[in-house]
C-alpha atoms as a PDB file:
ATOM      1  CA  UNK A   1     127.290  84.358  14.751  1.00  0.00           C
ATOM      2  CA  UNK A   2     124.490  82.050  13.172  1.00  0.00           C
ATOM      3  CA  UNK A   3     123.419  78.603  14.556  1.00  0.00           C
ATOM      4  CA  UNK A   4     124.636  75.731  12.190  1.00  0.00           C
ATOM      5  CA  UNK A   5     120.587  74.779  11.784  1.00  0.00           C
ATOM      6  CA  UNK A   6     119.693  78.297  11.150  1.00  0.00           C
ATOM      7  CA  UNK A   7     122.472  79.038   8.392  1.00  0.00           C
ATOM      8  CA  UNK A   8     121.277  75.277   6.941  1.00  0.00           C
ATOM      9  CA  UNK A   9     117.669  76.525   6.987  1.00  0.00           C
ATOM     10  CA  UNK A  10     118.629  79.287   4.833  1.00  0.00           C
ATOM     11  CA  UNK A  11     120.940  78.071   2.426  1.00  0.00           C
ATOM     12  CA  UNK A  12     117.930  75.590   1.717  1.00  0.00           C
ATOM     13  CA  UNK A  13     115.307  78.206   1.382  1.00  0.00           C
ATOM     14  CA  UNK A  14     117.742  79.898  -0.707  1.00  0.00           C
ATOM     15  CA  UNK A  15     118.506  77.059  -2.910  1.00  0.00           C
ATOM     16  CA  UNK A  16     115.112  76.064  -3.118  1.00  0.00           C
ATOM     17  CA  UNK A  17     114.268  79.558  -4.043  1.00  0.00           C
ATOM     18  CA  UNK A  18     116.304  79.529  -7.199  1.00  0.00           C
ATOM     19  CA  UNK A  19     115.819  75.928  -8.255  1.00  0.00           C
ATOM     20  CA  UNK A  20     111.637  77.124  -8.776  1.00  0.00           C
ATOM     21  CA  UNK A  21     112.897  81.143  -9.815  1.00  0.00           C
ATOM     22  CA  UNK A  22     115.235  79.998 -12.701  1.00  0.00           C
ATOM     23  CA  UNK A  23     113.775  77.537 -14.327  1.00  0.00           C
ATOM     24  CA  UNK A  24     110.402  79.469 -14.487  1.00  0.00           C
ATOM     25  CA  UNK A  25     112.206  82.712 -16.064  1.00  0.00           C
ATOM     26  CA  UNK A  26     113.620  80.322 -18.589  1.00  0.00           C
ATOM     27  CA  UNK A  27     110.713  78.357 -19.524  1.00  0.00           C
ATOM     28  CA  UNK A  28     108.700  82.302 -19.411  1.00  0.00           C
ATOM     29  CA  UNK A  29     111.671  82.971 -21.942  1.00  0.00           C
ATOM     30  CA  UNK A  30     111.500  79.982 -24.259  1.00  0.00           C
ATOM     31  CA  UNK A  31     107.699  80.252 -24.342  1.00  0.00           C
ATOM     32  CA  UNK A  32     107.905  83.765 -25.480  1.00  0.00           C
ATOM     33  CA  UNK A  33     110.908  83.439 -27.980  1.00  0.00           C
ATOM     34  CA  UNK A  34     108.642  80.232 -29.343  1.00  0.00           C
ATOM     35  CA  UNK A  35     105.277  82.669 -29.591  1.00  0.00           C
ATOM     36  CA  UNK A  36     107.765  85.495 -31.408  1.00  0.00           C
ATOM     37  CA  UNK A  37     109.335  82.686 -33.566  1.00  0.00           C
ATOM     38  CA  UNK A  38     105.700  81.464 -34.758  1.00  0.00           C
ATOM     39  CA  UNK A  39     103.915  85.420 -34.924  1.00  0.00           C
ATOM     40  CA  UNK A  40     103.748  86.551 -38.562  1.00  0.00           C
ATOM     41  CA  UNK A  41     105.158  89.586 -39.619  1.00  0.00           C
ATOM     42  CA  UNK A  42     102.522  92.500 -39.799  1.00  0.00           C
ATOM     43  CA  UNK A  43     101.092  93.115 -43.132  1.00  0.00           C
ATOM     44  CA  UNK A  44     102.225  96.457 -43.777  1.00  0.00           C
ATOM     45  CA  UNK A  45     105.922  94.808 -43.053  1.00  0.00           C
ATOM     46  CA  UNK A  46     105.081  91.846 -45.445  1.00  0.00           C
ATOM     47  CA  UNK A  47     104.284  94.354 -48.270  1.00  0.00           C
ATOM     48  CA  UNK A  48     106.983  96.610 -47.518  1.00  0.00           C
ATOM     49  CA  UNK A  49     109.539  93.833 -47.779  1.00  0.00           C
ATOM     50  CA  UNK A  50     107.494  92.814 -51.598  1.00  0.00           C
ATOM     51  CA  UNK A  51     107.800  96.092 -52.380  1.00  0.00           C
ATOM     52  CA  UNK A  52     111.584  96.314 -52.153  1.00  0.00           C
ATOM     53  CA  UNK A  53     111.865  92.817 -53.873  1.00  0.00           C
ATOM     54  CA  UNK A  54     109.918  93.803 -56.455  1.00  0.00           C
ATOM     55  CA  UNK A  55     110.272  95.795 -59.949  1.00  0.00           C
ATOM     56  CA  UNK A  56     107.455  98.771 -59.266  1.00  0.00           C
ATOM     57  CA  UNK A  57     108.883 101.700 -57.315  1.00  0.00           C
ATOM     58  CA  UNK A  58     105.583 102.840 -57.159  1.00  0.00           C
ATOM     59  CA  UNK A  59     104.642 100.101 -55.255  1.00  0.00           C
ATOM     60  CA  UNK A  60     106.856 101.111 -52.657  1.00  0.00           C
ATOM     61  CA  UNK A  61     106.169 104.597 -52.600  1.00  0.00           C
ATOM     62  CA  UNK A  62     101.998 103.419 -52.152  1.00  0.00           C
ATOM     63  CA  UNK A  63     102.600 102.178 -48.676  1.00  0.00           C
ATOM     64  CA  UNK A  64     103.082 105.498 -47.267  1.00  0.00           C
ATOM     65  CA  UNK A  65     101.269 108.149 -46.020  1.00  0.00           C
ATOM     66  CA  UNK A  66     101.190 111.445 -48.447  1.00  0.00           C
ATOM     67  CA  UNK A  67     103.675 113.221 -46.453  1.00  0.00           C
ATOM     68  CA  UNK A  68     105.631 109.920 -45.151  1.00  0.00           C
ATOM     69  CA  UNK A  69     109.487 109.752 -44.955  1.00  0.00           C
ATOM     70  CA  UNK A  70     112.238 107.227 -45.612  1.00  0.00           C
ATOM     71  CA  UNK A  71     115.363 107.902 -44.277  1.00  0.00           C
ATOM     72  CA  UNK A  72     118.235 105.472 -45.333  1.00  0.00           C
ATOM     73  CA  UNK A  73     120.769 106.220 -42.330  1.00  0.00           C
ATOM     74  CA  UNK A  74     123.635 104.399 -44.297  1.00  0.00           C
ATOM     75  CA  UNK A  75     123.767 107.089 -47.125  1.00  0.00           C
ATOM     76  CA  UNK A  76     122.333 110.025 -44.852  1.00  0.00           C
ATOM     77  CA  UNK A  77     119.475 110.662 -47.296  1.00  0.00           C
ATOM     78  CA  UNK A  78     115.592 111.369 -46.422  1.00  0.00           C
ATOM     79  CA  UNK A  79     113.064 111.294 -48.897  1.00  0.00           C
ATOM     80  CA  UNK A  80     109.743 113.042 -48.501  1.00  0.00           C
ATOM     81  CA  UNK A  81     106.663 111.781 -50.250  1.00  0.00           C
ATOM     82  CA  UNK A  82     105.197 108.940 -52.256  1.00  0.00           C
ATOM     83  CA  UNK A  83     106.669 110.440 -55.465  1.00  0.00           C
ATOM     84  CA  UNK A  84     110.369 111.129 -53.816  1.00  0.00           C
ATOM     85  CA  UNK A  85     110.393 107.351 -52.304  1.00  0.00           C
ATOM     86  CA  UNK A  86     109.359 105.735 -55.375  1.00  0.00           C
ATOM     87  CA  UNK A  87     112.310 107.503 -56.649  1.00  0.00           C
ATOM     88  CA  UNK A  88     114.674 106.546 -53.767  1.00  0.00           C
ATOM     89  CA  UNK A  89     113.519 102.883 -54.882  1.00  0.00           C
ATOM     90  CA  UNK A  90     114.039 103.476 -58.610  1.00  0.00           C
ATOM     91  CA  UNK A  91     117.331 104.837 -58.074  1.00  0.00           C
ATOM     92  CA  UNK A  92     118.224 101.668 -55.822  1.00  0.00           C
ATOM     93  CA  UNK A  93     117.393  99.381 -58.959  1.00  0.00           C
ATOM     94  CA  UNK A  94     119.262 101.300 -61.061  1.00  0.00           C
ATOM     95  CA  UNK A  95     122.098 100.688 -58.861  1.00  0.00           C
ATOM     96  CA  UNK A  96     121.889  97.209 -57.510  1.00  0.00           C
ATOM     97  CA  UNK A  97     121.174  94.037 -59.551  1.00  0.00           C
ATOM     98  CA  UNK A  98     118.406  91.584 -57.379  1.00  0.00           C
ATOM     99  CA  UNK A  99     117.837  94.022 -54.299  1.00  0.00           C
ATOM    100  CA  UNK A 100     116.001  91.811 -51.578  1.00  0.00           C
ATOM    101  CA  UNK A 101     114.858  92.071 -48.108  1.00  0.00           C
ATOM    102  CA  UNK A 102     114.473  88.985 -46.272  1.00  0.00           C
ATOM    103  CA  UNK A 103     112.706  89.749 -43.087  1.00  0.00           C
ATOM    104  CA  UNK A 104     114.138  87.622 -39.967  1.00  0.00           C
ATOM    105  CA  UNK A 105     112.046  89.053 -36.864  1.00  0.00           C
ATOM    106  CA  UNK A 106     109.406  91.859 -36.048  1.00  0.00           C
ATOM    107  CA  UNK A 107     108.141  93.538 -33.208  1.00  0.00           C
ATOM    108  CA  UNK A 108     105.500  95.816 -33.092  1.00  0.00           C
ATOM    109  CA  UNK A 109     104.853  98.037 -30.147  1.00  0.00           C
ATOM    110  CA  UNK A 110     101.967 100.390 -30.425  1.00  0.00           C
ATOM    111  CA  UNK A 111     102.230 102.300 -33.958  1.00  0.00           C
ATOM    112  CA  UNK A 112     106.070 101.285 -34.182  1.00  0.00           C
ATOM    113  CA  UNK A 113     107.278  97.997 -35.994  1.00  0.00           C
ATOM    114  CA  UNK A 114     111.113  97.175 -35.695  1.00  0.00           C
ATOM    115  CA  UNK A 115     112.178  94.904 -38.303  1.00  0.00           C
ATOM    116  CA  UNK A 116     115.336  92.789 -38.265  1.00  0.00           C
ATOM    117  CA  UNK A 117     116.284  91.783 -41.858  1.00  0.00           C
ATOM    118  CA  UNK A 118     118.605  90.716 -44.334  1.00  0.00           C
ATOM    119  CA  UNK A 119     119.440  93.343 -47.197  1.00  0.00           C
ATOM    120  CA  UNK A 120     121.447  92.062 -50.327  1.00  0.00           C
ATOM    121  CA  UNK A 121     122.120  92.890 -53.743  1.00  0.00           C
ATOM    122  CA  UNK A 122     124.813  93.237 -55.988  1.00  0.00           C
ATOM    123  CA  UNK A 123     125.965  96.780 -56.629  1.00  0.00           C
ATOM    124  CA  UNK A 124     126.455  97.055 -60.539  1.00  0.00           C
ATOM    125  CA  UNK A 125     129.953  96.760 -61.645  1.00  0.00           C
ATOM    126  CA  UNK A 126     131.039  95.388 -58.489  1.00  0.00           C
ATOM    127  CA  UNK A 127     132.901  92.051 -57.857  1.00  0.00           C
ATOM    128  CA  UNK A 128     130.537  90.376 -55.520  1.00  0.00           C
ATOM    129  CA  UNK A 129     127.295  90.645 -54.117  1.00  0.00           C
ATOM    130  CA  UNK A 130     126.384  91.506 -50.808  1.00  0.00           C
ATOM    131  CA  UNK A 131     124.111  90.401 -47.537  1.00  0.00           C
ATOM    132  CA  UNK A 132     124.010  92.507 -44.318  1.00  0.00           C
ATOM    133  CA  UNK A 133     121.872  92.787 -41.289  1.00  0.00           C
ATOM    134  CA  UNK A 134     119.572  95.920 -41.491  1.00  0.00           C
ATOM    135  CA  UNK A 135     117.011  97.021 -38.779  1.00  0.00           C
ATOM    136  CA  UNK A 136     114.122  98.770 -39.841  1.00  0.00           C
ATOM    137  CA  UNK A 137     111.793 101.020 -38.297  1.00  0.00           C
ATOM    138  CA  UNK A 138     108.650 101.547 -39.574  1.00  0.00           C
ATOM    139  CA  UNK A 139     105.762 103.936 -37.420  1.00  0.00           C
ATOM    140  CA  UNK A 140     102.471 103.631 -38.956  1.00  0.00           C
ATOM    141  CA  UNK A 141      99.432 105.092 -39.224  1.00  0.00           C
ATOM    142  CA  UNK A 142      96.797 105.048 -36.285  1.00  0.00           C
ATOM    143  CA  UNK A 143      94.997 101.964 -38.576  1.00  0.00           C
ATOM    144  CA  UNK A 144      98.579 100.387 -39.123  1.00  0.00           C
ATOM    145  CA  UNK A 145      97.538 100.798 -42.923  1.00  0.00           C
ATOM    146  CA  UNK A 146     100.312 102.804 -43.980  1.00  0.00           C
ATOM    147  CA  UNK A 147     103.868 103.829 -42.995  1.00  0.00           C
ATOM    148  CA  UNK A 148     104.242 107.399 -41.712  1.00  0.00           C
ATOM    149  CA  UNK A 149     108.381 106.845 -41.356  1.00  0.00           C
ATOM    150  CA  UNK A 150     110.912 104.632 -42.279  1.00  0.00           C
ATOM    151  CA  UNK A 151     114.447 104.600 -41.102  1.00  0.00           C
ATOM    152  CA  UNK A 152     116.724 102.107 -42.469  1.00  0.00           C
ATOM    153  CA  UNK A 153     119.997 101.549 -40.349  1.00  0.00           C
ATOM    154  CA  UNK A 154     122.519  98.629 -41.788  1.00  0.00           C
ATOM    155  CA  UNK A 155     126.561  99.324 -42.723  1.00  0.00           C
ATOM    156  CA  UNK A 156     127.341 100.730 -45.809  1.00  0.00           C
ATOM    157  CA  UNK A 157     130.842  99.736 -44.915  1.00  0.00           C
ATOM    158  CA  UNK A 158     130.235  96.329 -45.103  1.00  0.00           C
ATOM    159  CA  UNK A 159     127.931  96.745 -47.989  1.00  0.00           C
ATOM    160  CA  UNK A 160     130.748  97.860 -50.010  1.00  0.00           C
ATOM    161  CA  UNK A 161     133.272  95.479 -48.204  1.00  0.00           C
ATOM    162  CA  UNK A 162     131.490  92.493 -49.222  1.00  0.00           C
ATOM    163  CA  UNK A 163     130.680  93.750 -52.394  1.00  0.00           C
ATOM    164  CA  UNK A 164     134.797  94.293 -53.136  1.00  0.00           C
ATOM    165  CA  UNK A 165     134.788  98.129 -53.493  1.00  0.00           C
ATOM    166  CA  UNK A 166     136.997 100.614 -51.735  1.00  0.00           C
ATOM    167  CA  UNK A 167     135.017 102.152 -48.462  1.00  0.00           C
ATOM    168  CA  UNK A 168     135.073 105.546 -50.825  1.00  0.00           C
ATOM    169  CA  UNK A 169     133.000 104.164 -53.757  1.00  0.00           C
ATOM    170  CA  UNK A 170     130.314 106.170 -54.677  1.00  0.00           C
ATOM    171  CA  UNK A 171     128.019 105.257 -56.709  1.00  0.00           C
ATOM    172  CA  UNK A 172     128.218 106.433 -60.375  1.00  0.00           C
ATOM    173  CA  UNK A 173     126.614 109.637 -61.324  1.00  0.00           C
ATOM    174  CA  UNK A 174     126.636 110.913 -57.565  1.00  0.00           C
END
């Protein structure tokens, strides 16, 4: 059985340890979050978003290495090389008015950037526009100047639902 003074000392020591540890961890977490919030996206991410937001499909293709790949996970398609990737942007522009990517947060680790963003637009013929969360994983070349791989993740079901279209809708000419 533990004596009352020893138990009191144990409780006080634990409380003191918790009192010091919790604020320190919270402060570190808050400082990290503030630092991430003030960090600018890597240049390649800004260029990628600008290419999506622009009207020149070749601008998107030019950001990739010659053998780069672009995978749209929501529609299960992959494009290889700058020309196919530019073609995908041209197809998106022909089906979606005001295609727009808004960068939320980015995380760079080695040669990979994870981008949290909002993907928005108005599917032609749909009653309403859409704006859905998207996560994109960009693998970069060793100089971080070109994209070797792009994987876009968003919910096609949510795009269709927000657009007021049925779940089995397919683009014209598909």
